[in-house]
Amino acid sequence: MEKYLISKQKNSRALLLQAPKAPQDIGRYVKFEQYWVMRGSVPARSQPHYIITPFIKKNLLNLVRATSTRRFPVLLQGPTSSGKTSMVEYLATISGNKFVRINNHEHTDLQEYLGTYVSGLDGQLQYQEGILVQALREGFWIVLDELNLAPTDVLEALNRLLDDNRELFIPETQQVVRPHPNFMLFATQNPPGVYGGRKVLSRAFRNRFLELHFDDIPEDELEVILRERSQIAPSFCTKIVAVYKRLSVHRQHSRLYEQKNSFATLRDLFRWAFREADDRQQLAVNGYFLLAERVRDDEERQVVKQTIEEVLRTKIDDDAIYAMDSLPPHLETSAHGVVWTKSMRRLYILVSQALKSREPVLLVGETGSGKTTICQVVAAAMRLQLHVVNAHQNLETGDLVGSQRPIRSRHLIEARIHEQLSGLLSEYHHSKDFGDNSLDALLRLYQDCPKPVLESLPLQARQSLEQSLLQLNSLFEWVDGSLVSAMKAGHHFLLDEISLADDSVLERLNSALEPGRKLYLAEKGVDHALVIAADGFQFLATMNPG
């Protein structure tokens, strides 16, 4: 490119720095640096919390250039925590484009992309289009996360959309859907071979994308990101990054074939920075809880502890931080039968500190070490319900997030409708008792009521009756799984023996474990499919070592 395109220009440097001309219909575009991004259908919002360092700015400019044609899909490849998905979400938000994502796994079904049959308001099965079809029609920016985890048949179904034709065929409805002008498709993946379960995509398939490769965020920019995001003292950020660098160097020298960040990842640094600390001693204890207490080898735990003590110039006393007086005073009354040994005190303090910062918790230990018990004790101490699911090899995603199921116990629905009709008719007939009438008789009486009379009855009671009648006529209904129920209610959720569950089930839960704590129910259809965890929700898991 330099030889044939740039070197022939008189002032090649000025040419490279020249900003593109403003488009004629400038009102339809949003400017990012020197580039123009087409404005979407939703209001554009600034993102002051998103920290743009020189490295991230370079990646963002590459991403903007890749989206400028709005014709070619973009594949982002890079290690975990390198900001692939967050960059797309940032650009979508500041340009007013609606952002949606699908988490792929080994058992991703094509129905999650295209749509499925659901029970309609009239009780009959009807086809409801999936999130990809909705994004095509309405011009959303969609991200297919972990693309190289998706099954081959799902990837092949996308070929026609990724071609120059840019169209999607829906077999169930025999329709061909062409994209809205604002539609953009992105995909993200971790490098195959480095991360388990990721397959190598064929060259022919990857050629359909514009590929961008992201690296880890440079260490010299970590301090800036930590300081701006967490708003803690700059000296604390310097200490946290110094610990990270020392541990990375130690891992490189001591374990040649292990990753340099296996002691600590970028997510660990953010968790450390977001935990409350008033002084260096508390900062050191927080780092010890996060980094040292998850290491199983005693020698490696001492390395982490010694590194934190040397950088922060303080001492960490295990006996003091896990002393009996560190437990809340009301704990003995809410934890009957628990003997508070040092091991149990340690477990309680580690779990409660993590949940206080809204971090998901994985407890690894031998059978009988008190993992499940401590989860129950913590939930009871916080006066919250604990939903428990025991994982096994045949656990399905639907067991956790929910699924369409045939309606059972119709007699209970009929009894509820009978009670609702009796109450409404009693108001119309001045407290006359209708309890002995059959359901059919009550329905006829209700339907024979004049329209002005029906409109005079309480609106909420009438709406509740209509919903019950629709449910009675339906064949299937969506039933939330235990995880979704806990998210909506703001309860604790425990996945016991998580290592027994299939990887595809666990990959499906990724977005619920991120700070946003969201879960998109593609199996449910596009209506009311996004679940955002209520305050109080916490995710816990246990497993045996191995």
Protein backbone atom coordinates (compact mmCIF):
# COMPACT_ATOMS: atom_id res chain seq x y z
CA MET A 1 0.00 0.00 0.00
CA GLU A 2 2.81 2.39 0.86
CA LYS A 3 4.64 1.64 -2.39
CA TYR A 4 1.74 1.91 -4.83
CA LEU A 5 -0.71 4.26 -3.11
CA ILE A 6 1.04 6.56 -0.65
CA SER A 7 4.64 7.05 -1.84
CA LYS A 8 3.52 8.72 -5.10
CA GLN A 9 1.79 11.53 -3.21
CA LYS A 10 3.71 14.76 -2.59
CA ASN A 11 2.79 15.02 1.10
CA SER A 12 1.88 11.49 2.13
CA ARG A 13 1.81 12.24 5.89
CA ALA A 14 -0.73 15.06 5.44
CA LEU A 15 -2.79 12.76 3.23
CA LEU A 16 -2.94 10.12 5.94
CA LEU A 17 -3.97 12.65 8.58
CA GLN A 18 -6.59 14.28 6.40
CA ALA A 19 -10.12 13.97 7.81
CA PRO A 20 -12.87 12.60 5.53
CA LYS A 21 -15.26 15.19 4.13
CA ALA A 22 -18.50 15.76 6.00
CA PRO A 23 -21.45 13.98 4.36
CA GLN A 24 -24.09 16.08 2.61
CA ASP A 25 -26.90 14.98 4.96
CA ILE A 26 -24.79 15.67 8.04
CA GLY A 27 -27.78 15.41 10.38
CA ARG A 28 -27.87 11.65 9.82
CA TYR A 29 -24.32 11.18 11.10
CA VAL A 30 -22.42 11.40 14.37
CA LYS A 31 -18.75 12.39 14.34
CA PHE A 32 -16.19 10.28 16.21
CA GLU A 33 -12.74 11.86 16.00
CA GLN A 34 -12.30 12.47 12.23
CA TYR A 35 -14.79 9.81 11.11
CA TRP A 36 -18.54 9.83 10.59
CA VAL A 37 -20.88 7.14 11.94
CA MET A 38 -24.45 6.89 10.67
CA ARG A 39 -26.97 7.87 13.33
CA GLY A 40 -29.42 5.16 14.46
CA SER A 41 -33.10 5.24 15.35
CA VAL A 42 -32.70 5.67 19.13
CA PRO A 43 -31.40 8.80 20.91
CA ALA A 44 -27.60 9.00 21.03
CA ARG A 45 -26.12 9.07 24.53
CA SER A 46 -22.67 10.11 25.70
CA GLN A 47 -20.62 7.56 27.66
CA PRO A 48 -18.49 9.50 30.16
CA HIS A 49 -17.66 6.34 32.12
CA TYR A 50 -15.98 4.71 29.10
CA ILE A 51 -12.25 5.39 29.35
CA ILE A 52 -10.45 5.97 26.04
CA THR A 53 -6.68 5.47 26.23
CA PRO A 54 -4.38 5.71 23.17
CA PHE A 55 -4.52 1.91 22.70
CA ILE A 56 -8.33 1.79 22.94
CA LYS A 57 -8.63 4.87 20.70
CA LYS A 58 -6.57 3.12 18.01
CA ASN A 59 -8.85 0.05 18.19
CA LEU A 60 -11.96 2.23 18.10
CA LEU A 61 -10.75 4.07 14.99
CA ASN A 62 -10.08 0.74 13.29
CA LEU A 63 -13.60 -0.37 14.24
CA VAL A 64 -15.15 2.86 12.92
CA ARG A 65 -13.33 2.44 9.62
CA ALA A 66 -14.56 -1.14 9.37
CA THR A 67 -18.17 -0.01 9.87
CA SER A 68 -17.98 2.89 7.42
CA THR A 69 -19.31 0.90 4.44
CA ARG A 70 -22.15 -0.63 6.52
CA ARG A 71 -22.06 -3.62 4.18
CA PHE A 72 -19.43 -5.98 5.53
CA PRO A 73 -19.71 -7.89 8.82
CA VAL A 74 -16.85 -7.37 11.28
CA LEU A 75 -15.05 -10.15 13.19
CA LEU A 76 -13.17 -9.09 16.33
CA GLN A 77 -10.63 -11.57 17.69
CA GLY A 78 -8.69 -11.12 20.88
CA PRO A 79 -8.10 -12.41 24.41
CA THR A 80 -10.71 -12.14 27.13
CA SER A 81 -11.01 -8.71 28.81
CA SER A 82 -9.56 -6.92 25.77
CA GLY A 83 -12.76 -4.87 25.29
CA LYS A 84 -14.12 -6.40 22.07
CA THR A 85 -17.83 -6.32 22.90
CA SER A 86 -17.66 -3.12 24.98
CA MET A 87 -16.16 -1.17 22.04
CA VAL A 88 -19.05 -2.12 19.78
CA GLU A 89 -21.55 -1.23 22.51
CA TYR A 90 -19.82 2.14 23.05
CA LEU A 91 -19.97 3.08 19.35
CA ALA A 92 -23.58 1.95 19.10
CA THR A 93 -24.60 4.02 22.14
CA ILE A 94 -22.92 7.28 21.09
CA SER A 95 -24.34 6.96 17.55
CA GLY A 96 -27.91 6.10 18.59
CA ASN A 97 -27.91 2.52 17.26
CA LYS A 98 -29.64 -0.12 19.38
CA PHE A 99 -27.18 -2.77 20.59
CA VAL A 100 -28.11 -6.44 21.07
CA ARG A 101 -25.99 -9.56 21.55
CA ILE A 102 -26.29 -13.33 21.36
CA ASN A 103 -24.03 -15.56 23.47
CA ASN A 104 -23.07 -18.61 21.41
CA HIS A 105 -22.24 -22.02 22.83
CA GLU A 106 -21.74 -25.55 21.55
CA HIS A 107 -25.50 -26.24 21.51
CA THR A 108 -26.71 -22.90 20.14
CA ASP A 109 -29.87 -23.61 18.15
CA LEU A 110 -30.68 -21.90 14.89
CA GLN A 111 -34.07 -21.03 16.42
CA GLU A 112 -32.32 -18.59 18.77
CA TYR A 113 -31.26 -16.63 15.66
CA LEU A 114 -34.25 -17.02 13.34
CA GLY A 115 -37.22 -17.57 15.66
CA THR A 116 -39.43 -20.25 17.11
CA TYR A 117 -43.06 -21.20 17.69
CA VAL A 118 -44.57 -19.77 20.86
CA SER A 119 -48.05 -19.74 22.36
CA GLY A 120 -49.88 -16.60 21.19
CA LEU A 121 -52.44 -14.46 23.01
CA ASP A 122 -55.25 -16.54 21.50
CA GLY A 123 -53.76 -19.73 22.89
CA GLN A 124 -52.57 -21.00 19.50
CA LEU A 125 -49.00 -21.64 18.41
CA GLN A 126 -47.58 -18.86 16.27
CA TYR A 127 -44.17 -18.15 14.80
CA GLN A 128 -42.19 -15.46 16.58
CA GLU A 129 -39.13 -14.09 14.84
CA GLY A 130 -35.78 -14.28 16.59
CA ILE A 131 -33.44 -11.48 17.60
CA LEU A 132 -31.33 -11.69 14.40
CA VAL A 133 -34.42 -11.28 12.20
CA GLN A 134 -35.65 -8.40 14.37
CA ALA A 135 -32.22 -6.74 14.13
CA LEU A 136 -32.31 -7.10 10.34
CA ARG A 137 -35.76 -5.57 10.02
CA GLU A 138 -35.25 -2.69 12.47
CA GLY A 139 -31.58 -1.85 11.87
CA PHE A 140 -29.96 -2.90 15.17
CA TRP A 141 -26.26 -3.50 15.75
CA ILE A 142 -25.99 -7.16 16.74
CA VAL A 143 -22.97 -8.93 18.24
CA LEU A 144 -22.58 -12.71 17.94
CA ASP A 145 -20.38 -13.40 20.96
CA GLU A 146 -18.00 -16.40 20.95
CA LEU A 147 -18.66 -17.15 17.27
CA ASN A 148 -16.21 -20.05 17.14
CA LEU A 149 -18.22 -21.87 19.81
CA ALA A 150 -21.38 -22.01 17.64
CA PRO A 151 -22.22 -25.29 15.84
CA THR A 152 -21.32 -25.61 12.16
CA ASP A 153 -24.96 -25.76 10.99
CA VAL A 154 -25.64 -22.38 12.64
CA LEU A 155 -22.61 -20.81 10.95
CA GLU A 156 -23.60 -22.22 7.56
CA ALA A 157 -27.08 -20.72 7.90
CA LEU A 158 -25.43 -17.28 8.06
CA ASN A 159 -23.59 -17.65 4.73
CA ARG A 160 -26.30 -15.99 2.67
CA LEU A 161 -26.46 -13.03 5.04
CA LEU A 162 -22.67 -12.61 5.01
CA ASP A 163 -22.48 -12.73 1.22
CA ASP A 164 -22.87 -9.75 -1.09
CA ASN A 165 -26.58 -10.69 -1.35
CA ARG A 166 -27.06 -9.72 2.32
CA GLU A 167 -30.33 -11.58 2.76
CA LEU A 168 -31.62 -14.13 5.25
CA PHE A 169 -34.00 -16.97 4.38
CA ILE A 170 -36.42 -18.16 7.09
CA PRO A 171 -37.45 -21.77 6.31
CA GLU A 172 -40.49 -21.80 8.63
CA THR A 173 -42.18 -18.83 6.94
CA GLN A 174 -40.48 -19.13 3.51
CA GLN A 175 -39.59 -15.43 3.74
CA VAL A 176 -36.46 -13.68 2.57
CA VAL A 177 -35.47 -10.79 4.87
CA ARG A 178 -33.15 -8.03 3.62
CA PRO A 179 -31.34 -5.77 6.08
CA HIS A 180 -32.34 -2.28 7.17
CA PRO A 181 -29.78 0.38 6.09
CA ASN A 182 -28.62 0.79 9.71
CA PHE A 183 -28.10 -2.94 10.32
CA MET A 184 -24.58 -4.03 11.29
CA LEU A 185 -23.37 -7.50 12.23
CA PHE A 186 -20.37 -8.02 14.48
CA ALA A 187 -18.87 -11.23 15.81
CA THR A 188 -16.32 -11.77 18.57
CA GLN A 189 -14.16 -14.74 19.44
CA ASN A 190 -11.17 -15.76 21.52
CA PRO A 191 -8.18 -17.23 19.66
CA PRO A 192 -8.66 -20.97 19.01
CA GLY A 193 -6.10 -23.23 20.66
CA VAL A 194 -5.50 -20.79 23.52
CA TYR A 195 -9.03 -21.07 24.96
CA GLY A 196 -10.74 -24.44 25.40
CA GLY A 197 -13.57 -25.53 23.09
CA ARG A 198 -12.95 -22.88 20.42
CA LYS A 199 -12.70 -24.27 16.89
CA VAL A 200 -10.76 -22.87 13.94
CA LEU A 201 -13.18 -21.28 11.48
CA SER A 202 -12.61 -22.12 7.82
CA ARG A 203 -10.75 -19.60 5.66
CA ALA A 204 -13.74 -19.38 3.29
CA PHE A 205 -16.05 -18.43 6.17
CA ARG A 206 -13.65 -15.89 7.69
CA ASN A 207 -13.14 -14.22 4.30
CA ARG A 208 -16.74 -13.00 4.52
CA PHE A 209 -15.74 -10.76 7.47
CA LEU A 210 -13.52 -7.75 7.91
CA GLU A 211 -11.18 -9.08 10.60
CA LEU A 212 -9.74 -6.99 13.42
CA HIS A 213 -7.30 -8.42 15.96
CA PHE A 214 -7.09 -6.90 19.44
CA ASP A 215 -4.30 -7.51 21.94
CA ASP A 216 -4.24 -7.20 25.71
CA ILE A 217 -4.47 -3.64 27.02
CA PRO A 218 -0.89 -2.38 27.60
CA GLU A 219 0.17 -2.43 31.22
CA ASP A 220 1.14 1.26 31.17
CA GLU A 221 -2.49 2.16 30.37
CA LEU A 222 -4.03 -0.07 33.04
CA GLU A 223 -3.31 2.49 35.74
CA VAL A 224 -5.16 5.22 33.81
CA ILE A 225 -8.20 2.98 33.22
CA LEU A 226 -8.31 1.87 36.86
CA ARG A 227 -8.04 5.42 38.17
CA GLU A 228 -10.73 6.82 35.89
CA ARG A 229 -13.18 3.94 36.30
CA SER A 230 -12.88 3.33 40.03
CA GLN A 231 -12.20 6.93 41.16
CA ILE A 232 -9.84 5.72 43.90
CA ALA A 233 -6.59 7.36 44.99
CA PRO A 234 -3.97 7.41 42.18
CA SER A 235 -1.41 5.90 44.55
CA PHE A 236 -3.71 2.90 45.11
CA CYS A 237 -3.97 2.35 41.34
CA THR A 238 -0.19 2.48 41.03
CA LYS A 239 0.16 -0.19 43.76
CA ILE A 240 -2.46 -2.48 42.17
CA VAL A 241 -0.77 -2.36 38.76
CA ALA A 242 2.64 -2.89 40.38
CA VAL A 243 1.37 -6.08 42.02
CA TYR A 244 -0.06 -7.23 38.67
CA LYS A 245 3.26 -6.64 36.88
CA ARG A 246 5.30 -8.47 39.52
CA LEU A 247 2.97 -11.48 39.49
CA SER A 248 3.05 -11.58 35.69
CA VAL A 249 6.87 -11.57 35.67
CA HIS A 250 6.98 -14.24 38.36
CA ARG A 251 4.65 -16.49 36.40
CA GLN A 252 6.70 -16.09 33.23
CA HIS A 253 9.91 -17.09 34.99
CA SER A 254 8.52 -19.90 37.15
CA ARG A 255 5.94 -21.58 34.87
CA LEU A 256 7.09 -21.35 31.26
CA TYR A 257 4.03 -23.02 29.76
CA GLU A 258 1.38 -21.16 31.71
CA GLN A 259 -0.13 -17.81 30.77
CA LYS A 260 1.50 -14.77 32.26
CA ASN A 261 -1.81 -13.53 33.73
CA SER A 262 -2.92 -16.77 35.38
CA PHE A 263 -2.19 -15.25 38.80
CA ALA A 264 -4.33 -12.21 37.99
CA THR A 265 -6.46 -11.03 35.06
CA LEU A 266 -7.71 -7.58 34.12
CA ARG A 267 -11.11 -8.41 35.61
CA ASP A 268 -9.37 -9.15 38.92
CA LEU A 269 -7.73 -5.72 38.87
CA PHE A 270 -11.06 -4.00 38.35
CA ARG A 271 -12.63 -6.03 41.17
CA TRP A 272 -9.76 -5.10 43.44
CA ALA A 273 -10.07 -1.41 42.58
CA PHE A 274 -13.85 -1.35 43.11
CA ARG A 275 -13.68 -2.88 46.60
CA GLU A 276 -13.83 -0.30 49.37
CA ALA A 277 -10.48 0.54 50.95
CA ASP A 278 -9.70 3.49 53.21
CA ASP A 279 -6.00 2.77 53.68
CA ARG A 280 -3.17 0.62 52.38
CA GLN A 281 -3.86 -2.12 54.93
CA GLN A 282 -7.44 -2.60 53.72
CA LEU A 283 -6.24 -2.41 50.09
CA ALA A 284 -3.72 -5.18 50.83
CA VAL A 285 -6.36 -7.35 52.52
CA ASN A 286 -8.72 -6.92 49.55
CA GLY A 287 -5.94 -7.98 47.18
CA TYR A 288 -5.16 -10.97 49.40
CA PHE A 289 -8.82 -12.03 49.38
CA LEU A 290 -9.04 -11.77 45.59
CA LEU A 291 -5.68 -13.08 44.39
CA ALA A 292 -4.12 -15.24 47.09
CA GLU A 293 -7.17 -17.01 48.50
CA ARG A 294 -8.15 -18.54 45.17
CA VAL A 295 -4.73 -20.19 44.70
CA ARG A 296 -4.81 -23.85 45.78
CA ASP A 297 -1.06 -24.37 46.16
CA ASP A 298 0.28 -23.09 49.52
CA GLU A 299 3.62 -22.10 48.00
CA GLU A 300 1.96 -20.00 45.30
CA ARG A 301 -0.34 -18.42 47.89
CA GLN A 302 2.72 -17.32 49.84
CA VAL A 303 4.21 -15.81 46.66
CA VAL A 304 1.08 -13.71 46.10
CA LYS A 305 0.91 -12.69 49.75
CA GLN A 306 4.60 -11.75 49.84
CA THR A 307 4.26 -9.72 46.62
CA ILE A 308 1.29 -7.74 47.99
CA GLU A 309 3.11 -7.10 51.28
CA GLU A 310 6.29 -5.91 49.53
CA VAL A 311 4.49 -3.56 47.12
CA LEU A 312 2.09 -2.11 49.69
CA ARG A 313 4.66 -2.17 52.54
CA THR A 314 2.32 -3.73 55.05
CA LYS A 315 1.76 -7.08 56.75
CA ILE A 316 -1.26 -9.37 56.34
CA ASP A 317 -2.15 -11.40 59.44
CA ASP A 318 -4.36 -14.40 58.61
CA ASP A 319 -5.40 -14.88 62.24
CA ALA A 320 -6.51 -11.26 62.56
CA ILE A 321 -8.56 -10.96 59.35
CA TYR A 322 -10.34 -14.26 60.07
CA ALA A 323 -10.78 -13.71 63.80
CA MET A 324 -14.11 -14.45 65.50
CA ASP A 325 -14.79 -10.76 66.08
CA SER A 326 -14.65 -10.22 62.28
CA LEU A 327 -18.03 -11.95 61.96
CA PRO A 328 -21.25 -9.92 62.32
CA PRO A 329 -22.77 -10.20 65.83
CA HIS A 330 -26.19 -11.49 64.64
CA LEU A 331 -24.65 -14.42 62.75
CA GLU A 332 -24.90 -16.97 65.56
CA THR A 333 -28.69 -16.62 65.71
CA SER A 334 -29.12 -17.09 61.91
CA ALA A 335 -26.68 -20.01 61.59
CA HIS A 336 -27.84 -22.72 63.97
CA GLY A 337 -25.64 -25.81 64.07
CA VAL A 338 -22.60 -24.19 62.40
CA VAL A 339 -19.33 -24.55 64.30
CA TRP A 340 -17.29 -21.45 63.54
CA THR A 341 -13.84 -22.91 63.01
CA LYS A 342 -11.20 -20.79 61.29
CA SER A 343 -11.97 -22.57 58.01
CA MET A 344 -15.69 -21.68 58.22
CA ARG A 345 -14.93 -18.10 59.30
CA ARG A 346 -12.58 -17.76 56.32
CA LEU A 347 -15.25 -19.05 53.92
CA TYR A 348 -17.92 -16.73 55.32
CA ILE A 349 -15.72 -13.62 55.15
CA LEU A 350 -14.47 -14.35 51.62
CA VAL A 351 -17.98 -15.03 50.27
CA SER A 352 -19.64 -12.10 52.03
CA GLN A 353 -16.93 -9.65 50.86
CA ALA A 354 -17.36 -10.83 47.25
CA LEU A 355 -21.15 -10.53 47.39
CA LYS A 356 -20.88 -7.09 48.95
CA SER A 357 -19.12 -6.02 45.73
CA ARG A 358 -21.68 -7.89 43.56
CA GLU A 359 -19.11 -10.40 42.32
CA PRO A 360 -20.05 -13.97 41.30
CA VAL A 361 -18.49 -16.58 43.58
CA LEU A 362 -17.05 -20.03 42.80
CA LEU A 363 -16.21 -22.20 45.83
CA VAL A 364 -13.79 -25.08 45.16
CA GLY A 365 -13.24 -27.71 47.84
CA GLU A 366 -13.57 -31.32 48.84
CA THR A 367 -16.91 -32.91 49.69
CA GLY A 368 -17.97 -31.99 53.24
CA SER A 369 -15.85 -28.85 53.47
CA GLY A 370 -18.91 -26.63 54.02
CA LYS A 371 -19.26 -25.00 50.58
CA THR A 372 -23.03 -25.36 50.27
CA THR A 373 -23.59 -24.70 53.97
CA ILE A 374 -21.78 -21.36 53.87
CA CYS A 375 -23.91 -20.27 50.87
CA GLN A 376 -27.04 -21.05 52.89
CA VAL A 377 -25.68 -19.20 55.93
CA VAL A 378 -24.79 -16.09 53.89
CA ALA A 379 -28.25 -16.00 52.27
CA ALA A 380 -29.92 -16.38 55.66
CA ALA A 381 -27.74 -13.64 57.18
CA MET A 382 -28.79 -11.31 54.34
CA ARG A 383 -32.44 -12.42 54.76
CA LEU A 384 -32.68 -13.48 51.13
CA GLN A 385 -34.03 -16.65 49.57
CA LEU A 386 -31.51 -19.09 48.09
CA HIS A 387 -32.44 -20.93 44.86
CA VAL A 388 -30.37 -24.14 44.56
CA VAL A 389 -29.88 -26.21 41.39
CA ASN A 390 -27.76 -29.35 41.51
CA ALA A 391 -25.83 -29.57 38.24
CA HIS A 392 -25.37 -32.88 36.41
CA GLN A 393 -24.19 -34.10 33.02
CA ASN A 394 -27.69 -33.91 31.51
CA LEU A 395 -28.45 -30.40 32.78
CA GLU A 396 -29.95 -28.29 30.00
CA THR A 397 -29.98 -24.55 29.52
CA GLY A 398 -33.77 -24.57 29.85
CA ASP A 399 -33.46 -25.88 33.41
CA LEU A 400 -31.73 -22.61 34.36
CA VAL A 401 -33.20 -19.91 32.10
CA GLY A 402 -36.62 -21.44 31.33
CA SER A 403 -38.48 -22.95 28.37
CA GLN A 404 -41.85 -23.28 26.66
CA ARG A 405 -43.80 -26.03 28.43
CA PRO A 406 -47.30 -27.53 28.07
CA ILE A 407 -49.78 -25.96 30.47
CA ARG A 408 -50.53 -28.28 33.36
CA SER A 409 -52.97 -28.08 36.29
CA ARG A 410 -55.77 -26.56 34.22
CA HIS A 411 -58.16 -27.26 37.11
CA LEU A 412 -56.29 -24.63 39.15
CA ILE A 413 -56.70 -22.07 36.34
CA GLU A 414 -60.43 -22.94 36.11
CA ALA A 415 -60.81 -22.50 39.88
CA ARG A 416 -59.13 -19.08 39.68
CA ILE A 417 -61.40 -17.99 36.80
CA HIS A 418 -64.48 -19.22 38.74
CA GLU A 419 -63.44 -17.09 41.71
CA GLN A 420 -62.76 -14.03 39.53
CA LEU A 421 -66.09 -14.33 37.69
CA SER A 422 -68.01 -14.79 40.95
CA GLY A 423 -66.45 -11.61 42.34
CA LEU A 424 -67.20 -9.52 39.25
CA LEU A 425 -70.77 -10.77 38.87
CA SER A 426 -71.44 -10.24 42.58
CA GLU A 427 -70.61 -6.54 42.11
CA TYR A 428 -73.04 -6.30 39.19
CA HIS A 429 -75.83 -8.23 40.96
CA HIS A 430 -75.37 -6.49 44.31
CA SER A 431 -73.57 -9.14 46.35
CA LYS A 432 -75.56 -12.13 45.04
CA ASP A 433 -73.67 -15.39 45.67
CA PHE A 434 -72.57 -17.20 42.49
CA GLY A 435 -70.35 -19.81 44.15
CA ASP A 436 -72.61 -22.75 43.26
CA ASN A 437 -72.83 -21.96 39.54
CA SER A 438 -70.71 -23.87 37.03
CA LEU A 439 -67.87 -22.17 35.16
CA ASP A 440 -69.75 -22.32 31.85
CA ALA A 441 -72.81 -20.71 33.43
CA LEU A 442 -70.73 -17.93 34.93
CA LEU A 443 -69.03 -17.28 31.59
CA ARG A 444 -72.41 -16.99 29.83
CA LEU A 445 -73.67 -14.57 32.48
CA TYR A 446 -70.51 -12.47 32.13
CA GLN A 447 -70.69 -12.41 28.33
CA ASP A 448 -74.40 -11.42 28.43
CA CYS A 449 -73.67 -8.34 30.55
CA PRO A 450 -74.21 -5.08 28.64
CA LYS A 451 -71.01 -3.33 27.53
CA PRO A 452 -71.62 -0.23 29.74
CA VAL A 453 -71.98 -2.53 32.74
CA LEU A 454 -68.72 -4.33 31.96
CA GLU A 455 -66.89 -1.03 31.59
CA SER A 456 -68.17 0.06 35.00
CA LEU A 457 -66.52 -2.96 36.69
CA PRO A 458 -62.99 -2.55 38.15
CA LEU A 459 -60.47 -2.39 35.31
CA GLN A 460 -57.75 -4.35 37.11
CA ALA A 461 -60.16 -7.21 37.90
CA ARG A 462 -61.32 -7.37 34.26
CA GLN A 463 -57.74 -7.43 32.96
CA SER A 464 -56.81 -10.18 35.40
CA LEU A 465 -59.81 -12.24 34.22
CA GLU A 466 -58.84 -11.78 30.55
CA GLN A 467 -55.30 -12.98 31.25
CA SER A 468 -56.66 -16.05 33.05
CA LEU A 469 -58.97 -16.86 30.13
CA LEU A 470 -56.09 -16.57 27.66
CA GLN A 471 -53.98 -18.86 29.82
CA LEU A 472 -56.82 -21.42 29.94
CA ASN A 473 -56.99 -21.53 26.13
CA SER A 474 -53.23 -21.71 25.60
CA LEU A 475 -51.38 -24.91 24.77
CA PHE A 476 -47.95 -23.80 25.99
CA GLU A 477 -46.58 -21.16 28.30
CA TRP A 478 -43.14 -19.82 29.08
CA VAL A 479 -41.90 -20.96 32.49
CA ASP A 480 -38.89 -19.15 33.97
CA GLY A 481 -36.01 -21.29 35.18
CA SER A 482 -34.52 -21.02 38.65
CA LEU A 483 -31.78 -18.59 37.56
CA VAL A 484 -34.20 -16.18 35.84
CA SER A 485 -36.60 -16.37 38.81
CA ALA A 486 -33.76 -15.46 41.18
CA MET A 487 -32.65 -12.59 38.91
CA LYS A 488 -36.14 -11.10 38.75
CA ALA A 489 -36.78 -11.45 42.48
CA GLY A 490 -33.33 -10.29 43.64
CA HIS A 491 -32.53 -13.57 45.40
CA HIS A 492 -29.36 -15.65 45.69
CA PHE A 493 -28.77 -18.46 43.18
CA LEU A 494 -26.50 -21.45 43.83
CA LEU A 495 -25.39 -23.84 41.06
CA ASP A 496 -24.06 -26.83 43.02
CA GLU A 497 -21.37 -29.01 41.41
CA ILE A 498 -21.02 -26.63 38.46
CA SER A 499 -18.16 -28.66 36.95
CA LEU A 500 -20.61 -31.47 36.10
CA ALA A 501 -22.62 -29.23 33.75
CA ASP A 502 -21.84 -29.16 30.05
CA ASP A 503 -19.65 -26.29 28.81
CA SER A 504 -22.42 -25.15 26.46
CA VAL A 505 -24.76 -24.59 29.42
CA LEU A 506 -22.17 -22.54 31.29
CA GLU A 507 -21.24 -20.42 28.24
CA ARG A 508 -24.91 -19.46 27.99
CA LEU A 509 -24.66 -17.75 31.40
CA ASN A 510 -21.72 -15.44 30.53
CA SER A 511 -23.72 -12.20 30.31
CA ALA A 512 -25.38 -12.85 33.70
CA LEU A 513 -21.94 -13.04 35.33
CA GLU A 514 -20.72 -9.73 33.89
CA PRO A 515 -21.11 -6.44 35.81
CA GLY A 516 -24.26 -5.56 33.81
CA ARG A 517 -25.88 -8.84 34.99
CA LYS A 518 -28.18 -9.17 31.97
CA LEU A 519 -29.54 -12.27 30.28
CA TYR A 520 -31.20 -12.32 26.88
CA LEU A 521 -33.74 -15.15 26.52
CA ALA A 522 -33.50 -15.82 22.80
CA GLU A 523 -35.58 -18.99 23.31
CA LYS A 524 -38.50 -16.89 24.52
CA GLY A 525 -38.72 -14.69 21.42
CA VAL A 526 -38.16 -10.95 21.18
CA ASP A 527 -40.95 -9.82 23.54
CA HIS A 528 -39.84 -9.31 27.17
CA ALA A 529 -36.72 -11.38 26.43
CA LEU A 530 -34.15 -9.17 28.20
CA VAL A 531 -33.80 -9.90 31.91
CA ILE A 532 -31.83 -7.48 34.11
CA ALA A 533 -31.04 -8.73 37.59
CA ALA A 534 -32.80 -6.94 40.44
CA ASP A 535 -30.87 -5.57 43.41
CA GLY A 536 -29.91 -8.37 45.77
CA PHE A 537 -29.29 -11.01 43.10
CA GLN A 538 -26.06 -12.95 43.59
CA PHE A 539 -24.62 -15.91 41.68
CA LEU A 540 -22.77 -18.60 43.61
CA ALA A 541 -21.37 -21.95 42.45
CA THR A 542 -19.55 -24.87 44.03
CA MET A 543 -17.38 -27.68 42.66
CA ASN A 544 -14.95 -30.35 43.78
CA PRO A 545 -11.29 -29.91 42.75
CA GLY A 546 -10.11 -31.92 39.77
